[in-house]
Amino acid sequence: MKIFKTIASFAFAAGVFLSSSVFADTVKIAFIDPLSGPFATTGTGGLAQWKFAVEKLVNEKGGVLGGKKMEIVALDNKMDGKESLVQVQVAIDQGIRFIAQGNSSGIANAITDMVKKHNKRNPDKRVIFINYSAVDPALTNDKCNFWHFRFDANADIKMDVLTDIIADNSAMKKMYLIGQDYSFGKAVAAAAEKYLAQKTSIEIVGNELHPIGKVKDFTPYARKILAAGADGVITGNWGADMVNLGRSLKESGFSGPIYCYYCAGDGITKTFSAAGEGMLNVVHEGAMNPTNPELVAYHKEFKAKYPAADLNQARIMTATMMIAKAIEEAGSADDVVKIAYALEGMEFYNDILKTKVVMREKDHQAIQNVNVSVHTKDIDIDYDNSGYGVKTYATVEMASADSPTTCKMKRP
């Protein structure tokens, strides 16, 4: 009996040792976004892009720190704030040091608060929050913290660029604002009001927020837009809400320009198809068209592995490579303080997108080129396997590089 216990104890210890060794050789990033429910298409699309970027841009090149592989651990938050925090804790309990999330600024606000408190209470188990798509400006202003890094341009930066384009359209007299009723939707509306007033004499004939993920038929909203005589629409809608809004606008006969943040791929491009030609104007980082040989090759391999997904979040490539670089510079995959210091202020050149990105030190906001692209068939890289995509016609280089911030960051 005693011998059996000794053998069992040895086997258990060996198992723990092996498990720890395997874990030590893997740098894990927890992907916490919707993988079920109405926004699952957006979440699964982002997950595919993260997995491919990690394999292609890090693991195939030898990993980090002399051979450590990166791995994406997918955790479904069901697009729910409380569930998101549960999944963050699951990741922390597994020893994961990197939390990646992007869908919903409301959820991002909750995560950044949790990470800040957790890191203060648990200095030996600190984590970094990789925000790849939540663009509420508050996250890098009043709510900024040392552990949060945003790789997408925030709502104010994007609206500043978008309204430059709108201001050049002399036919635009009346604008309708519509968005989701949470922090991001409100931020888009506030930025639109601000910049339209500064740059144009355009009249805002509607400013409406709707419940996020709850409206299936946007026909009543489309009718309001038509009745208001709007020449154009500005929306921050994304995922199912953008698909459904687009479908209702299309079916109601609206033909004016739609200025949008996340209106390419994830079913949206296919919904508009020919009817969206020249109609959708999307503001974004990471130009896909025109292409270059490196981007074409990357896209070809991505589609071979994930044929149903779109390569529509270029920032995921950049985030992956910058995290890997920060780990190398820190000389550790566990010392998140060193990694965070390596990330802030980092200047990085993405040789696939042919663009520079700077992680601004004072607020951890990525500064990069911001583009405005139009929905068209004149492209090389399409979305939704529809033959349509977006082609860039205007670029602001290193947009808002000198923009002010209210961030007062405390560093460890």
Protein backbone atom coordinates (compact mmCIF):
# COMPACT_ATOMS: atom_id res chain seq x y z
CA MET A 1 0.00 0.00 0.00
CA LYS A 2 2.82 2.35 0.97
CA ILE A 3 4.67 1.50 -2.26
CA PHE A 4 1.50 2.16 -4.27
CA LYS A 5 1.09 5.58 -2.63
CA THR A 6 4.72 6.39 -3.35
CA ILE A 7 4.32 5.42 -7.01
CA ALA A 8 1.05 7.35 -7.26
CA SER A 9 2.64 10.40 -5.68
CA PHE A 10 5.58 10.18 -8.06
CA ALA A 11 3.23 9.81 -11.05
CA PHE A 12 1.18 12.78 -9.90
CA ALA A 13 4.30 14.89 -9.40
CA ALA A 14 5.61 13.84 -12.80
CA GLY A 15 2.27 14.75 -14.35
CA VAL A 16 2.36 18.18 -12.75
CA PHE A 17 5.95 18.62 -13.87
CA LEU A 18 5.13 17.63 -17.43
CA SER A 19 2.05 19.81 -17.48
CA SER A 20 4.03 22.77 -16.14
CA SER A 21 6.81 22.15 -18.63
CA VAL A 22 4.40 22.06 -21.52
CA PHE A 23 2.70 25.21 -20.26
CA ALA A 24 6.07 26.93 -19.75
CA ASP A 25 6.86 26.33 -23.40
CA THR A 26 3.61 27.96 -24.55
CA VAL A 27 2.67 31.63 -24.40
CA LYS A 28 -1.11 31.67 -24.14
CA ILE A 29 -3.44 34.50 -25.12
CA ALA A 30 -7.03 34.25 -23.91
CA PHE A 31 -9.45 35.34 -26.63
CA ILE A 32 -12.62 36.47 -24.86
CA ASP A 33 -15.37 37.44 -27.30
CA PRO A 34 -18.77 36.14 -28.50
CA LEU A 35 -18.59 32.68 -30.05
CA SER A 36 -22.33 32.05 -29.73
CA GLY A 37 -25.46 34.17 -30.04
CA PRO A 38 -26.24 37.02 -32.48
CA PHE A 39 -22.66 38.35 -32.58
CA ALA A 40 -20.98 34.97 -33.04
CA THR A 41 -20.04 35.70 -36.65
CA THR A 42 -17.92 38.66 -35.56
CA GLY A 43 -16.34 36.70 -32.72
CA THR A 44 -15.50 33.59 -34.71
CA GLY A 45 -14.09 35.76 -37.50
CA GLY A 46 -11.80 37.52 -35.06
CA LEU A 47 -10.77 34.20 -33.53
CA ALA A 48 -9.75 32.84 -36.95
CA GLN A 49 -7.63 35.92 -37.57
CA TRP A 50 -5.93 35.66 -34.18
CA LYS A 51 -5.17 31.95 -34.63
CA PHE A 52 -3.76 32.45 -38.10
CA ALA A 53 -1.65 35.45 -37.10
CA VAL A 54 -0.13 33.55 -34.18
CA GLU A 55 0.72 30.52 -36.31
CA LYS A 56 1.97 32.41 -39.36
CA LEU A 57 3.66 35.42 -37.83
CA VAL A 58 5.11 33.89 -34.67
CA ASN A 59 5.14 30.09 -34.51
CA GLU A 60 6.27 29.45 -38.08
CA LYS A 61 9.14 31.87 -37.47
CA GLY A 62 10.40 29.96 -34.45
CA GLY A 63 8.17 31.33 -31.72
CA VAL A 64 9.52 33.64 -29.03
CA LEU A 65 12.39 33.41 -26.56
CA GLY A 66 14.19 30.66 -28.42
CA GLY A 67 11.27 28.44 -29.31
CA LYS A 68 8.23 29.11 -27.12
CA LYS A 69 5.05 28.77 -29.19
CA MET A 70 2.07 31.07 -28.94
CA GLU A 71 -1.44 29.69 -28.51
CA ILE A 72 -4.87 31.28 -28.61
CA VAL A 73 -7.27 29.98 -25.95
CA ALA A 74 -10.85 30.70 -27.04
CA LEU A 75 -13.34 31.60 -24.28
CA ASP A 76 -16.94 32.44 -25.17
CA ASN A 77 -18.26 35.49 -23.32
CA LYS A 78 -21.68 35.19 -25.01
CA MET A 79 -21.55 38.99 -25.48
CA ASP A 80 -22.34 39.39 -21.80
CA GLY A 81 -20.49 41.62 -19.35
CA LYS A 82 -20.71 39.31 -16.32
CA GLU A 83 -19.79 36.25 -18.37
CA SER A 84 -16.79 38.15 -19.75
CA LEU A 85 -15.45 38.74 -16.24
CA VAL A 86 -16.01 35.07 -15.40
CA GLN A 87 -13.93 34.12 -18.45
CA VAL A 88 -11.19 36.58 -17.52
CA GLN A 89 -10.97 34.85 -14.14
CA VAL A 90 -10.90 31.45 -15.87
CA ALA A 91 -7.95 32.64 -17.95
CA ILE A 92 -6.13 34.02 -14.90
CA ASP A 93 -6.69 30.77 -13.01
CA GLN A 94 -5.08 28.92 -15.93
CA GLY A 95 -2.00 31.12 -15.60
CA ILE A 96 -2.66 33.03 -18.83
CA ARG A 97 -0.97 36.44 -18.89
CA PHE A 98 -2.62 38.03 -21.94
CA ILE A 99 -6.32 38.85 -22.32
CA ALA A 100 -7.51 39.77 -25.84
CA GLN A 101 -10.99 41.28 -26.33
CA GLY A 102 -12.50 43.71 -28.79
CA ASN A 103 -16.24 43.35 -29.31
CA SER A 104 -18.11 45.87 -27.16
CA SER A 105 -16.56 48.84 -25.43
CA GLY A 106 -18.94 48.21 -22.53
CA ILE A 107 -17.30 44.85 -21.95
CA ALA A 108 -13.85 46.37 -22.47
CA ASN A 109 -14.58 48.93 -19.75
CA ALA A 110 -15.51 46.14 -17.35
CA ILE A 111 -12.41 44.09 -18.24
CA THR A 112 -9.99 46.99 -17.87
CA ASP A 113 -11.40 47.73 -14.40
CA MET A 114 -11.08 44.08 -13.39
CA VAL A 115 -7.54 43.77 -14.73
CA LYS A 116 -6.46 46.96 -12.94
CA LYS A 117 -7.84 45.74 -9.60
CA HIS A 118 -6.53 42.20 -10.06
CA ASN A 119 -3.01 43.35 -10.88
CA LYS A 120 -2.92 45.61 -7.83
CA ARG A 121 -4.02 42.79 -5.53
CA ASN A 122 -2.01 40.02 -7.19
CA PRO A 123 1.41 41.37 -8.25
CA ASP A 124 2.65 37.82 -8.88
CA LYS A 125 -0.22 37.04 -11.29
CA ARG A 126 -0.51 40.21 -13.33
CA VAL A 127 -2.06 40.21 -16.81
CA ILE A 128 -2.09 42.53 -19.82
CA PHE A 129 -5.29 43.55 -21.58
CA ILE A 130 -4.94 43.55 -25.37
CA ASN A 131 -7.82 45.66 -26.68
CA TYR A 132 -7.95 45.01 -30.41
CA SER A 133 -11.29 46.57 -31.33
CA ALA A 134 -13.12 48.36 -28.49
CA VAL A 135 -12.85 52.04 -29.38
CA ASP A 136 -14.61 54.02 -26.65
CA PRO A 137 -12.24 57.02 -26.25
CA ALA A 138 -12.58 56.84 -22.45
CA LEU A 139 -10.44 53.70 -22.41
CA THR A 140 -7.34 55.71 -23.27
CA ASN A 141 -8.48 58.88 -21.52
CA ASP A 142 -10.05 59.00 -18.06
CA LYS A 143 -10.13 55.19 -17.73
CA CYS A 144 -6.62 54.55 -19.00
CA ASN A 145 -4.32 52.26 -17.06
CA PHE A 146 -0.86 50.79 -17.48
CA TRP A 147 -2.14 47.29 -18.29
CA HIS A 148 -4.46 48.27 -21.16
CA PHE A 149 -3.24 48.63 -24.77
CA ARG A 150 -5.53 49.58 -27.65
CA PHE A 151 -4.50 48.54 -31.18
CA ASP A 152 -7.49 50.02 -33.04
CA ALA A 153 -7.95 53.76 -33.61
CA ASN A 154 -10.50 55.15 -31.16
CA ALA A 155 -13.91 56.50 -32.10
CA ASP A 156 -12.80 60.14 -31.99
CA ILE A 157 -9.77 59.54 -34.21
CA LYS A 158 -11.90 57.72 -36.77
CA MET A 159 -14.65 60.33 -36.74
CA ASP A 160 -12.13 63.12 -37.21
CA VAL A 161 -10.93 61.37 -40.38
CA LEU A 162 -14.43 60.46 -41.58
CA THR A 163 -15.81 63.97 -41.20
CA ASP A 164 -12.97 65.35 -43.32
CA ILE A 165 -14.37 63.22 -46.15
CA ILE A 166 -17.96 64.21 -45.39
CA ALA A 167 -17.01 67.88 -45.40
CA ASP A 168 -15.77 67.54 -48.97
CA ASN A 169 -19.18 66.28 -50.14
CA SER A 170 -21.07 69.44 -51.11
CA ALA A 171 -24.29 67.46 -51.68
CA MET A 172 -24.46 66.50 -48.02
CA LYS A 173 -26.99 68.77 -46.28
CA LYS A 174 -28.76 66.49 -43.80
CA MET A 175 -27.24 63.67 -41.73
CA TYR A 176 -28.90 60.98 -39.62
CA LEU A 177 -27.00 59.42 -36.71
CA ILE A 178 -27.95 55.94 -35.55
CA GLY A 179 -26.11 53.58 -33.25
CA GLN A 180 -26.16 51.01 -30.48
CA ASP A 181 -27.20 52.16 -27.02
CA TYR A 182 -24.00 51.66 -25.06
CA SER A 183 -20.69 53.47 -24.53
CA PHE A 184 -19.34 53.05 -28.07
CA GLY A 185 -22.58 54.05 -29.81
CA LYS A 186 -22.79 57.13 -27.59
CA ALA A 187 -19.14 57.99 -28.28
CA VAL A 188 -19.71 57.80 -32.05
CA ALA A 189 -22.76 60.07 -31.83
CA ALA A 190 -20.93 62.59 -29.63
CA ALA A 191 -17.92 62.65 -31.97
CA ALA A 192 -20.16 63.06 -35.03
CA GLU A 193 -21.97 66.00 -33.44
CA LYS A 194 -18.69 67.63 -32.47
CA TYR A 195 -16.81 67.29 -35.74
CA LEU A 196 -19.76 67.96 -38.05
CA ALA A 197 -20.38 71.21 -36.18
CA GLN A 198 -16.71 72.17 -36.42
CA LYS A 199 -16.21 71.36 -40.08
CA THR A 200 -19.59 71.65 -41.84
CA SER A 201 -23.02 73.29 -41.86
CA ILE A 202 -24.71 69.89 -42.17
CA GLU A 203 -27.95 69.56 -40.22
CA ILE A 204 -28.32 66.51 -37.98
CA VAL A 205 -31.91 65.43 -38.62
CA GLY A 206 -31.89 62.41 -36.35
CA ASN A 207 -29.77 61.08 -33.50
CA GLU A 208 -31.01 57.73 -32.33
CA LEU A 209 -29.71 54.89 -30.17
CA HIS A 210 -31.23 51.40 -30.20
CA PRO A 211 -30.77 48.37 -27.92
CA ILE A 212 -27.64 46.43 -28.85
CA GLY A 213 -28.26 42.98 -30.32
CA LYS A 214 -32.01 43.13 -29.75
CA VAL A 215 -33.44 44.62 -32.96
CA LYS A 216 -34.06 42.10 -35.74
CA ASP A 217 -35.96 44.37 -38.13
CA PHE A 218 -34.69 47.93 -38.57
CA THR A 219 -37.47 48.89 -41.01
CA PRO A 220 -39.03 51.42 -38.58
CA TYR A 221 -35.63 53.11 -38.22
CA ALA A 222 -35.08 53.08 -41.99
CA ARG A 223 -38.46 54.74 -42.49
CA LYS A 224 -37.52 57.47 -40.01
CA ILE A 225 -34.29 58.08 -41.90
CA LEU A 226 -36.18 58.41 -45.19
CA ALA A 227 -38.89 60.60 -43.64
CA ALA A 228 -36.25 62.93 -42.21
CA GLY A 229 -34.90 63.55 -45.71
CA ALA A 230 -31.41 62.45 -44.70
CA ASP A 231 -28.78 62.68 -47.41
CA GLY A 232 -26.47 60.39 -45.47
CA VAL A 233 -26.20 58.15 -42.40
CA ILE A 234 -23.43 57.82 -39.81
CA THR A 235 -23.40 54.62 -37.76
CA GLY A 236 -21.06 52.75 -35.48
CA ASN A 237 -23.17 49.58 -35.72
CA TRP A 238 -21.30 46.33 -36.05
CA GLY A 239 -22.02 42.62 -36.29
CA ALA A 240 -25.66 41.54 -36.54
CA ASP A 241 -26.86 45.08 -35.87
CA MET A 242 -25.01 46.38 -38.92
CA VAL A 243 -26.22 43.51 -41.09
CA ASN A 244 -29.84 44.08 -40.06
CA LEU A 245 -29.63 47.87 -40.34
CA GLY A 246 -28.05 47.55 -43.78
CA ARG A 247 -30.68 45.12 -44.96
CA SER A 248 -33.53 47.41 -43.86
CA LEU A 249 -31.97 50.50 -45.41
CA LYS A 250 -31.41 48.62 -48.65
CA GLU A 251 -34.98 47.22 -48.76
CA SER A 252 -36.48 50.62 -47.87
CA GLY A 253 -34.84 52.24 -50.86
CA PHE A 254 -32.30 54.45 -49.09
CA SER A 255 -29.53 55.23 -51.57
CA GLY A 256 -27.42 57.89 -49.87
CA PRO A 257 -23.93 57.29 -48.50
CA ILE A 258 -23.55 55.38 -45.23
CA TYR A 259 -20.50 56.39 -43.22
CA CYS A 260 -19.55 53.56 -40.91
CA TYR A 261 -16.93 52.03 -38.64
CA TYR A 262 -17.45 48.26 -38.91
CA CYS A 263 -19.44 47.70 -42.10
CA ALA A 264 -17.23 45.33 -44.07
CA GLY A 265 -17.22 41.55 -43.82
CA ASP A 266 -19.02 39.40 -41.25
CA GLY A 267 -22.06 39.17 -43.53
CA ILE A 268 -22.41 42.92 -44.08
CA THR A 269 -20.64 43.06 -47.44
CA LYS A 270 -22.73 40.18 -48.78
CA THR A 271 -25.93 41.83 -47.55
CA PHE A 272 -25.26 44.96 -49.63
CA SER A 273 -23.49 43.30 -52.59
CA ALA A 274 -24.24 45.28 -55.78
CA ALA A 275 -26.58 47.68 -53.95
CA GLY A 276 -23.71 48.84 -51.76
CA GLU A 277 -21.48 49.89 -54.68
CA GLY A 278 -20.15 53.33 -53.74
CA MET A 279 -22.63 53.52 -50.86
CA LEU A 280 -20.73 52.21 -47.83
CA ASN A 281 -17.80 54.35 -46.71
CA VAL A 282 -15.85 52.63 -43.95
CA VAL A 283 -13.18 54.25 -41.77
CA HIS A 284 -10.54 51.81 -40.62
CA GLU A 285 -6.88 51.01 -40.02
CA GLY A 286 -5.08 48.52 -42.25
CA ALA A 287 -5.84 49.04 -45.93
CA MET A 288 -6.64 45.79 -47.79
CA ASN A 289 -7.05 47.21 -51.31
CA PRO A 290 -4.92 48.20 -53.16
CA THR A 291 -2.83 45.20 -52.20
CA ASN A 292 0.86 44.29 -52.23
CA PRO A 293 2.50 40.87 -52.85
CA GLU A 294 3.03 40.12 -49.13
CA LEU A 295 -0.58 40.88 -48.27
CA VAL A 296 -1.91 38.84 -51.20
CA ALA A 297 0.15 35.84 -50.09
CA TYR A 298 -0.95 36.20 -46.46
CA HIS A 299 -4.60 36.47 -47.50
CA LYS A 300 -4.35 33.44 -49.79
CA GLU A 301 -3.00 31.24 -46.99
CA PHE A 302 -5.57 32.61 -44.53
CA LYS A 303 -8.47 31.80 -46.85
CA ALA A 304 -7.09 28.33 -47.51
CA LYS A 305 -7.27 27.59 -43.79
CA TYR A 306 -10.39 29.61 -42.93
CA PRO A 307 -12.45 29.82 -46.14
CA ALA A 308 -15.57 31.16 -44.42
CA ALA A 309 -13.76 33.94 -42.52
CA ASP A 310 -12.64 37.41 -43.62
CA LEU A 311 -9.32 39.13 -43.17
CA ASN A 312 -11.00 42.34 -42.06
CA GLN A 313 -9.20 43.23 -38.83
CA ALA A 314 -5.66 44.04 -39.87
CA ARG A 315 -4.84 45.29 -36.38
CA ILE A 316 -4.80 41.67 -35.19
CA MET A 317 -1.67 41.05 -37.28
CA THR A 318 -0.02 44.11 -35.79
CA ALA A 319 -1.01 43.27 -32.21
CA THR A 320 0.36 39.73 -32.57
CA MET A 321 3.73 40.88 -33.87
CA MET A 322 4.07 43.71 -31.35
CA ILE A 323 3.30 41.40 -28.43
CA ALA A 324 5.90 38.94 -29.67
CA LYS A 325 8.44 41.74 -30.01
CA ALA A 326 7.68 43.02 -26.51
CA ILE A 327 8.18 39.54 -25.05
CA GLU A 328 11.54 39.27 -26.81
CA GLU A 329 12.62 42.70 -25.57
CA ALA A 330 11.49 41.88 -22.03
CA GLY A 331 13.30 38.54 -22.16
CA SER A 332 10.33 36.92 -20.47
CA ALA A 333 6.81 35.76 -21.26
CA ASP A 334 5.74 36.02 -17.60
CA ASP A 335 7.09 39.36 -16.41
CA VAL A 336 4.18 41.45 -17.63
CA VAL A 337 5.60 44.64 -16.13
CA LYS A 338 8.65 44.39 -18.40
CA ILE A 339 6.45 43.38 -21.34
CA ALA A 340 4.14 46.36 -20.79
CA TYR A 341 7.10 48.73 -20.59
CA ALA A 342 8.44 47.22 -23.82
CA LEU A 343 5.06 47.74 -25.52
CA GLU A 344 4.49 51.35 -24.52
CA GLY A 345 6.25 53.72 -26.86
CA MET A 346 7.07 50.89 -29.28
CA GLU A 347 7.45 51.87 -32.93
CA PHE A 348 6.64 48.99 -35.24
CA TYR A 349 6.58 48.55 -38.99
CA ASN A 350 4.08 46.01 -40.29
CA ASP A 351 5.78 44.68 -43.42
CA ILE A 352 2.62 42.93 -44.61
CA LEU A 353 0.46 46.05 -44.53
CA LYS A 354 3.42 48.36 -45.26
CA THR A 355 2.49 50.70 -42.45
CA LYS A 356 3.97 52.06 -39.25
CA VAL A 357 2.29 51.79 -35.83
CA VAL A 358 3.34 53.59 -32.65
CA MET A 359 1.95 52.57 -29.27
CA ARG A 360 1.69 56.02 -27.77
CA GLU A 361 3.39 56.01 -24.38
CA LYS A 362 1.19 58.52 -22.60
CA ASP A 363 -2.11 56.65 -23.03
CA HIS A 364 -1.40 53.29 -24.76
CA GLN A 365 -3.37 54.29 -27.86
CA ALA A 366 -1.99 52.90 -31.13
CA ILE A 367 -1.25 55.70 -33.58
CA GLN A 368 -1.33 54.60 -37.20
CA ASN A 369 -2.61 55.43 -40.68
CA VAL A 370 -6.41 55.66 -40.80
CA ASN A 371 -8.14 55.03 -44.12
CA VAL A 372 -11.53 55.63 -45.65
CA SER A 373 -12.60 52.96 -48.15
CA VAL A 374 -15.61 52.41 -50.35
CA HIS A 375 -17.64 49.26 -50.98
CA THR A 376 -16.84 48.08 -54.51
CA LYS A 377 -16.21 45.13 -56.78
CA ASP A 378 -12.94 46.69 -57.98
CA ILE A 379 -10.78 44.82 -55.44
CA ASP A 380 -8.38 41.90 -55.06
CA ILE A 381 -9.33 40.92 -51.50
CA ASP A 382 -13.07 40.47 -51.02
CA TYR A 383 -15.29 39.87 -47.99
CA ASP A 384 -17.97 37.25 -47.34
CA ASN A 385 -16.75 35.42 -50.49
CA SER A 386 -19.05 37.87 -52.28
CA GLY A 387 -16.77 39.37 -54.89
CA TYR A 388 -17.16 42.72 -53.14
CA GLY A 389 -14.81 44.40 -50.70
CA VAL A 390 -13.54 47.85 -49.75
CA LYS A 391 -11.03 49.97 -51.64
CA THR A 392 -9.15 52.79 -49.96
CA TYR A 393 -9.55 56.24 -51.49
CA ALA A 394 -8.26 58.45 -48.66
CA THR A 395 -5.60 58.01 -45.97
CA VAL A 396 -4.56 60.20 -43.05
CA GLU A 397 -1.04 59.22 -42.06
CA MET A 398 -0.44 58.66 -38.36
CA ALA A 399 -3.86 60.09 -37.60
CA SER A 400 -4.19 62.16 -34.42
CA ALA A 401 -0.57 61.56 -33.42
CA ASP A 402 -0.59 64.81 -31.40
CA SER A 403 -4.17 64.60 -30.15
CA PRO A 404 -4.65 65.44 -26.45
CA THR A 405 -5.55 62.89 -23.82
CA THR A 406 -6.84 63.19 -20.26
CA CYS A 407 -4.97 60.01 -19.30
CA LYS A 408 -3.03 60.25 -16.04
CA MET A 409 -1.36 56.88 -15.98
CA LYS A 410 0.10 55.37 -12.83
CA ARG A 411 2.99 53.03 -13.51
CA PRO A 412 4.36 50.27 -11.28
